[in-house]
């Protein structure tokens, strides 16, 4: 990324930054605005849930290490790994749907 692009994004404030990472709807651009908002809200809810799950997993790791409980630590590691994998899947969902739709054509 070039330096002036970062400056331009920073000058745009939070709105410019959020719009810079918003999904590109590609073939699904024909969806209505209301449908896009609903999909965005569902994706945001899933991201918040997965971030919360990752935080709970980190707490399990911390408690397991303090109590020398390897089962608790392993449970926390599994929760964090699953949450991060889920976050990746949700974040790339628009791209995955576009690829699958492109294969179908």
Protein backbone atom coordinates (compact mmCIF):
# COMPACT_ATOMS: atom_id res chain seq x y z
CA UNK A 1 0.00 0.00 0.00
CA UNK A 2 1.31 3.45 -0.82
CA UNK A 3 1.73 6.06 1.87
CA UNK A 4 -0.67 8.56 0.34
CA UNK A 5 -3.42 5.94 0.29
CA UNK A 6 -3.10 5.47 4.06
CA UNK A 7 -3.19 9.22 4.54
CA UNK A 8 -6.29 9.49 2.36
CA UNK A 9 -8.01 6.71 4.31
CA UNK A 10 -7.06 8.33 7.61
CA UNK A 11 -8.34 11.71 6.39
CA UNK A 12 -11.69 10.10 5.56
CA UNK A 13 -12.18 9.23 9.23
CA UNK A 14 -13.86 6.08 10.48
CA UNK A 15 -16.39 6.12 7.62
CA UNK A 16 -13.63 6.08 5.04
CA UNK A 17 -11.81 3.31 6.85
CA UNK A 18 -14.92 1.15 7.26
CA UNK A 19 -15.94 1.68 3.64
CA UNK A 20 -12.44 0.64 2.62
CA UNK A 21 -12.89 -2.80 4.17
CA UNK A 22 -16.56 -3.25 3.26
CA UNK A 23 -17.22 -6.35 1.13
CA UNK A 24 -17.38 -5.97 -2.62
CA UNK A 25 -20.69 -7.55 -3.57
CA UNK A 26 -19.68 -8.37 -7.20
CA UNK A 27 -22.44 -10.55 -8.68
CA UNK A 28 -24.69 -9.96 -5.69
CA UNK A 29 -24.82 -6.21 -6.26
CA UNK A 30 -28.37 -6.70 -7.59
CA UNK A 31 -29.51 -7.42 -4.04
CA UNK A 32 -31.64 -4.69 -2.60
CA UNK A 33 -30.26 -2.27 -0.03
CA UNK A 34 -32.42 -3.79 2.69
CA UNK A 35 -31.11 -7.31 1.96
CA UNK A 36 -27.51 -6.06 2.05
CA UNK A 37 -28.11 -4.39 5.40
CA UNK A 38 -29.65 -7.59 6.81
CA UNK A 39 -26.73 -9.69 5.58
CA UNK A 40 -24.29 -7.14 7.03
CA UNK A 41 -26.03 -7.17 10.41
CA UNK A 42 -25.99 -10.98 10.51
CA UNK A 43 -22.29 -11.01 9.61
CA UNK A 44 -21.52 -8.37 12.25
CA UNK A 45 -23.42 -10.39 14.87
CA UNK A 46 -21.48 -13.51 13.95
CA UNK A 47 -18.18 -11.61 14.16
CA UNK A 48 -19.07 -10.23 17.60
CA UNK A 49 -20.06 -13.70 18.83
CA UNK A 50 -16.82 -15.22 17.53
CA UNK A 51 -14.71 -12.46 19.05
CA UNK A 52 -16.44 -13.04 22.38
CA UNK A 53 -15.78 -16.76 22.06
CA UNK A 54 -12.09 -16.07 21.37
CA UNK A 55 -11.91 -13.88 24.48
CA UNK A 56 -13.53 -16.61 26.58
CA UNK A 57 -11.02 -19.09 25.13
CA UNK A 58 -8.16 -16.78 26.08
CA UNK A 59 -9.55 -16.66 29.64
CA UNK A 60 -9.63 -20.46 29.71
CA UNK A 61 -5.97 -20.53 28.63
CA UNK A 62 -5.04 -18.01 31.31
CA UNK A 63 -6.91 -19.85 34.08
CA UNK A 64 -5.56 -23.21 32.93
CA UNK A 65 -1.98 -21.93 33.01
CA UNK A 66 -2.43 -20.39 36.46
CA UNK A 67 -3.93 -23.57 37.91
CA UNK A 68 -1.59 -25.88 36.00
CA UNK A 69 -4.66 -27.50 34.43
CA UNK A 70 -3.73 -28.75 30.97
CA UNK A 71 -7.33 -29.72 30.14
CA UNK A 72 -8.53 -26.15 30.69
CA UNK A 73 -5.63 -24.79 28.63
CA UNK A 74 -6.38 -27.19 25.80
CA UNK A 75 -10.06 -26.22 25.90
CA UNK A 76 -9.07 -22.56 25.61
CA UNK A 77 -6.70 -23.23 22.72
CA UNK A 78 -9.45 -25.10 20.88
CA UNK A 79 -11.93 -22.27 21.47
CA UNK A 80 -9.51 -19.62 20.22
CA UNK A 81 -8.55 -21.63 17.14
CA UNK A 82 -12.18 -22.37 16.24
CA UNK A 83 -13.17 -18.75 16.76
CA UNK A 84 -10.38 -17.44 14.54
CA UNK A 85 -11.23 -19.97 11.84
CA UNK A 86 -14.88 -18.90 12.04
CA UNK A 87 -13.87 -15.23 11.82
CA UNK A 88 -11.88 -15.96 8.67
CA UNK A 89 -14.84 -17.79 7.14
CA UNK A 90 -17.32 -15.00 7.96
CA UNK A 91 -14.96 -12.28 6.75
CA UNK A 92 -14.40 -13.99 3.42
CA UNK A 93 -18.02 -15.09 2.93
CA UNK A 94 -18.83 -12.54 0.20
CA UNK A 95 -15.74 -13.62 -1.73
CA UNK A 96 -16.53 -17.32 -1.29
CA UNK A 97 -20.11 -16.84 -2.50
CA UNK A 98 -18.86 -14.92 -5.54
CA UNK A 99 -16.41 -17.69 -6.42
CA UNK A 100 -19.05 -20.41 -6.03
CA UNK A 101 -21.53 -18.39 -8.11
CA UNK A 102 -18.83 -17.86 -10.78
CA UNK A 103 -18.21 -21.61 -10.99
CA UNK A 104 -21.92 -22.19 -11.46
CA UNK A 105 -22.14 -19.94 -14.52
